[in-house]
Amino acid sequence: MPVRESDILVVRTMALPPPPEGLDLTEDRSLTVICAASITWGFAVAAIFSRIACRKLTRNKLLLDDWLIIVSLLFSGGSTLLLAIYFVHIGLGKHVWSLPPDAIRSLAIGLFVGEITYTLTIVFVKLSLLAFYCRIFSVHSIKIPAGILAISVIMWGIAVLVVTFTQCIPLRAFWERFDTTDPMLPSTYSCGVDVRPFFYGIAIPNIVVDILMIVLPLPYIWKLREYRRKLLL
């Protein structure tokens, strides 16, 4: 296939602008990234293992909400390893101008994998919490809104994954276009998804569902409080 002049121009414009004057290119915050990712995931591991241990000590079997949170821990572990090891090895925590030429391609691969692990982590965490609500508030009235929220969470996850796998056609163009030795030419692929609006599109409905999930159990908690007050009286 002949190379178009427009292809060459687009590839050249993908290069970075010069760094700001006076910027310290030796600055490195990778240790902060490693500590933040490892410590927060460590808390999650401790909490879930404590939960399982309590189940075993009381001789109760693991229920649906327990299994869902365990699955979410596995995916969040993948995200943590991706962030604390893969991304840091590439150069996360350093200024982009100090990274090797092939770092952008490697970062794009990591971003693609991270979109998958992040999405699945969020989906299973929310489903676990909704299953927990249905278990502790064993009334029919909470199951309908919880079911609606669960369907919304699943549909959100499917939508995000579909966009993730179709954001570039062919898919490998998402990272191969940044190959410093043999980049894919713009005429050979189509990437119709702008990453920044895509992340906004992920975050906004995610936050809305979070708020609804916080509000959902409040009436039932209030009823329990009123019931306890009446018993004391």
Protein backbone atom coordinates (compact mmCIF):
# COMPACT_ATOMS: atom_id res chain seq x y z
CA MET A 1 0.00 0.00 0.00
CA PRO A 2 1.51 3.39 -0.95
CA VAL A 3 2.23 5.80 1.91
CA ARG A 4 0.20 8.98 1.77
CA GLU A 5 1.74 12.34 2.57
CA SER A 6 -1.14 12.97 4.99
CA ASP A 7 -0.21 9.77 6.87
CA ILE A 8 3.35 10.99 7.34
CA LEU A 9 2.09 14.36 8.56
CA VAL A 10 -0.25 12.77 11.15
CA VAL A 11 2.49 10.48 12.47
CA ARG A 12 4.82 13.44 12.87
CA THR A 13 2.23 15.53 14.72
CA MET A 14 1.86 12.72 17.30
CA ALA A 15 5.33 13.64 18.63
CA LEU A 16 5.53 15.40 21.99
CA PRO A 17 6.00 19.16 22.26
CA PRO A 18 9.20 20.36 23.96
CA PRO A 19 9.21 20.24 27.79
CA PRO A 20 8.50 23.44 29.73
CA GLU A 21 11.54 25.54 30.52
CA GLY A 22 13.12 24.74 33.89
CA LEU A 23 11.39 21.38 34.29
CA ASP A 24 13.40 18.84 36.30
CA LEU A 25 13.32 15.76 34.08
CA THR A 26 14.97 13.64 36.78
CA GLU A 27 11.97 14.02 39.12
CA ASP A 28 10.57 10.60 40.02
CA ARG A 29 7.38 9.82 41.97
CA SER A 30 7.17 6.14 41.10
CA LEU A 31 7.60 5.14 44.76
CA THR A 32 4.48 7.17 45.62
CA VAL A 33 2.56 5.30 42.93
CA ILE A 34 3.74 1.92 44.24
CA CYS A 35 2.91 2.75 47.86
CA ALA A 36 -0.52 4.19 47.04
CA ALA A 37 -1.53 1.20 44.93
CA SER A 38 -0.07 -1.47 47.23
CA ILE A 39 -1.31 -0.07 50.55
CA THR A 40 -4.90 0.51 49.40
CA TRP A 41 -5.13 -2.95 47.83
CA GLY A 42 -3.54 -4.40 50.97
CA PHE A 43 -6.39 -2.92 53.04
CA ALA A 44 -8.89 -4.51 50.67
CA VAL A 45 -7.19 -7.91 50.97
CA ALA A 46 -7.15 -7.67 54.78
CA ALA A 47 -10.83 -6.72 54.91
CA ILE A 48 -11.96 -9.53 52.62
CA PHE A 49 -9.79 -12.16 54.33
CA SER A 50 -11.21 -11.03 57.69
CA ARG A 51 -14.68 -11.42 56.25
CA ILE A 52 -13.94 -14.97 55.07
CA ALA A 53 -12.30 -15.84 58.39
CA CYS A 54 -15.42 -14.70 60.28
CA ARG A 55 -17.53 -16.91 58.04
CA LYS A 56 -15.33 -19.89 58.81
CA LEU A 57 -15.21 -19.23 62.56
CA THR A 58 -18.99 -19.02 62.75
CA ARG A 59 -19.27 -22.08 60.50
CA ASN A 60 -21.31 -20.22 57.93
CA LYS A 61 -20.83 -20.88 54.24
CA LEU A 62 -19.83 -18.16 51.81
CA LEU A 63 -22.84 -16.50 50.20
CA LEU A 64 -23.35 -14.72 46.90
CA ASP A 65 -22.11 -11.33 48.12
CA ASP A 66 -18.96 -13.00 49.49
CA TRP A 67 -18.13 -14.70 46.20
CA LEU A 68 -18.77 -11.52 44.22
CA ILE A 69 -16.40 -9.49 46.41
CA ILE A 70 -13.73 -12.20 46.10
CA VAL A 71 -13.97 -12.00 42.30
CA SER A 72 -13.69 -8.22 42.48
CA LEU A 73 -10.54 -8.59 44.60
CA LEU A 74 -8.92 -10.68 41.87
CA PHE A 75 -9.60 -8.07 39.19
CA SER A 76 -8.52 -5.22 41.49
CA GLY A 77 -5.33 -7.18 42.14
CA GLY A 78 -4.73 -7.20 38.40
CA SER A 79 -5.19 -3.43 38.31
CA THR A 80 -2.79 -3.01 41.24
CA LEU A 81 -0.09 -5.15 39.64
CA LEU A 82 -0.59 -3.30 36.37
CA LEU A 83 -0.16 0.06 38.09
CA ALA A 84 2.57 -0.74 40.63
CA ILE A 85 4.73 -2.97 38.41
CA TYR A 86 3.98 -2.65 34.70
CA PHE A 87 3.27 1.08 34.51
CA VAL A 88 6.05 2.00 36.95
CA HIS A 89 8.51 -0.12 34.96
CA ILE A 90 7.53 1.82 31.84
CA GLY A 91 7.97 5.15 33.58
CA LEU A 92 4.78 6.11 35.42
CA GLY A 93 5.67 8.74 38.01
CA LYS A 94 8.25 10.37 35.75
CA HIS A 95 7.89 13.19 33.26
CA VAL A 96 6.85 11.96 29.84
CA TRP A 97 9.85 13.63 28.20
CA SER A 98 12.24 11.41 30.19
CA LEU A 99 10.63 8.16 29.02
CA PRO A 100 12.12 5.94 26.30
CA PRO A 101 10.71 6.36 22.77
CA ASP A 102 8.60 3.18 22.91
CA ALA A 103 6.98 4.05 26.26
CA ILE A 104 3.81 5.54 24.73
CA ARG A 105 3.03 2.25 22.95
CA SER A 106 3.58 0.28 26.17
CA LEU A 107 1.43 2.74 28.13
CA ALA A 108 -1.36 2.33 25.59
CA ILE A 109 -1.26 -1.47 26.02
CA GLY A 110 -1.42 -1.06 29.78
CA LEU A 111 -4.28 1.45 29.49
CA PHE A 112 -6.27 -1.03 27.39
CA VAL A 113 -5.80 -3.83 29.95
CA GLY A 114 -6.50 -1.41 32.80
CA GLU A 115 -9.83 -0.38 31.26
CA ILE A 116 -10.91 -4.05 31.42
CA THR A 117 -9.72 -4.82 34.97
CA TYR A 118 -11.08 -1.53 36.33
CA THR A 119 -14.50 -2.07 34.76
CA LEU A 120 -14.83 -5.63 36.04
CA THR A 121 -13.67 -4.61 39.52
CA ILE A 122 -16.32 -1.90 39.74
CA VAL A 123 -19.07 -4.19 38.43
CA PHE A 124 -18.39 -6.99 40.91
CA VAL A 125 -17.96 -4.64 43.88
CA LYS A 126 -21.33 -3.01 43.22
CA LEU A 127 -23.07 -6.34 42.63
CA SER A 128 -21.62 -7.65 45.89
CA LEU A 129 -22.93 -4.66 47.82
CA LEU A 130 -26.39 -4.97 46.26
CA ALA A 131 -26.48 -8.69 47.10
CA PHE A 132 -25.46 -7.79 50.64
CA TYR A 133 -28.37 -5.34 50.91
CA CYS A 134 -30.82 -8.00 49.77
CA ARG A 135 -29.44 -10.45 52.32
CA ILE A 136 -29.48 -8.28 55.43
CA PHE A 137 -32.71 -6.44 54.59
CA SER A 138 -34.78 -9.50 53.77
CA VAL A 139 -37.82 -7.58 52.56
CA HIS A 140 -39.31 -7.64 49.08
CA SER A 141 -39.43 -3.87 48.75
CA ILE A 142 -35.63 -3.52 48.60
CA LYS A 143 -35.16 -6.27 46.02
CA ILE A 144 -36.86 -4.36 43.20
CA PRO A 145 -34.69 -1.20 43.34
CA ALA A 146 -31.63 -3.36 44.07
CA GLY A 147 -32.43 -5.47 41.00
CA ILE A 148 -32.83 -2.36 38.85
CA LEU A 149 -29.48 -1.04 40.06
CA ALA A 150 -27.85 -4.43 39.45
CA ILE A 151 -29.12 -4.47 35.87
CA SER A 152 -27.87 -0.89 35.42
CA VAL A 153 -24.42 -1.89 36.73
CA ILE A 154 -24.23 -4.91 34.41
CA MET A 155 -25.37 -2.88 31.39
CA TRP A 156 -22.84 -0.18 32.24
CA GLY A 157 -20.07 -2.79 32.41
CA ILE A 158 -21.09 -4.34 29.09
CA ALA A 159 -21.24 -0.91 27.42
CA VAL A 160 -17.77 0.03 28.69
CA LEU A 161 -16.25 -3.27 27.55
CA VAL A 162 -17.88 -3.01 24.12
CA VAL A 163 -16.45 0.49 23.66
CA THR A 164 -13.06 -0.69 24.97
CA PHE A 165 -12.85 -3.50 22.40
CA THR A 166 -14.17 -1.42 19.49
CA GLN A 167 -12.46 1.92 20.16
CA CYS A 168 -10.01 1.16 17.36
CA ILE A 169 -10.57 -0.95 14.25
CA PRO A 170 -8.49 -3.07 14.13
CA LEU A 171 -8.09 -3.21 17.91
CA ARG A 172 -4.27 -3.39 17.86
CA ALA A 173 -4.19 0.09 16.36
CA PHE A 174 -4.92 1.42 19.87
CA TRP A 175 -1.24 0.79 20.70
CA GLU A 176 0.44 -0.04 17.37
CA ARG A 177 -0.09 3.52 16.08
CA PHE A 178 2.46 4.60 18.71
CA ASP A 179 5.10 2.08 17.59
CA THR A 180 8.30 4.06 17.09
CA THR A 181 9.81 1.64 14.59
CA ASP A 182 6.83 0.67 12.44
CA PRO A 183 3.72 2.69 13.38
CA MET A 184 0.39 1.92 11.78
CA LEU A 185 -0.52 4.60 9.28
CA PRO A 186 -3.76 6.55 9.86
CA SER A 187 -5.16 5.29 6.57
CA THR A 188 -4.98 1.67 7.82
CA TYR A 189 -7.07 2.05 10.98
CA SER A 190 -9.95 3.94 12.53
CA CYS A 191 -10.02 5.10 16.17
CA GLY A 192 -13.32 6.86 16.67
CA VAL A 193 -13.30 7.09 20.47
CA ASP A 194 -11.80 10.12 22.18
CA VAL A 195 -10.27 8.81 25.41
CA ARG A 196 -11.09 11.86 27.57
CA PRO A 197 -14.86 11.97 26.85
CA PHE A 198 -14.85 8.18 27.16
CA PHE A 199 -13.51 8.41 30.71
CA TYR A 200 -16.07 11.11 31.55
CA GLY A 201 -18.74 8.82 30.15
CA ILE A 202 -17.54 6.05 32.44
CA ALA A 203 -17.29 8.22 35.55
CA ILE A 204 -20.59 10.13 35.49
CA PRO A 205 -23.02 7.14 35.49
CA ASN A 206 -20.67 5.36 37.88
CA ILE A 207 -20.97 8.24 40.39
CA VAL A 208 -24.75 8.41 39.94
CA VAL A 209 -25.11 4.69 40.73
CA ASP A 210 -22.81 5.14 43.76
CA ILE A 211 -25.11 7.85 45.14
CA LEU A 212 -28.22 5.73 44.56
CA MET A 213 -26.58 2.76 46.27
CA ILE A 214 -25.74 4.91 49.30
CA VAL A 215 -29.31 6.20 49.50
CA LEU A 216 -30.98 2.80 48.92
CA PRO A 217 -30.56 1.26 52.42
CA LEU A 218 -31.20 4.47 54.39
CA PRO A 219 -34.99 4.00 54.81
CA TYR A 220 -34.45 0.44 56.03
CA ILE A 221 -31.72 1.49 58.45
CA TRP A 222 -34.05 4.19 59.79
CA LYS A 223 -36.81 1.62 60.31
CA LEU A 224 -34.41 -0.58 62.26
CA ARG A 225 -33.47 2.40 64.41
CA GLU A 226 -37.14 3.21 65.08
CA TYR A 227 -37.86 -0.44 65.92
CA ARG A 228 -34.98 -0.51 68.40
CA ARG A 229 -36.16 2.73 69.99
CA LYS A 230 -39.65 1.30 70.50
CA LEU A 231 -38.19 -1.80 72.13
CA LEU A 232 -36.23 0.33 74.57
CA LEU A 233 -39.34 2.32 75.43
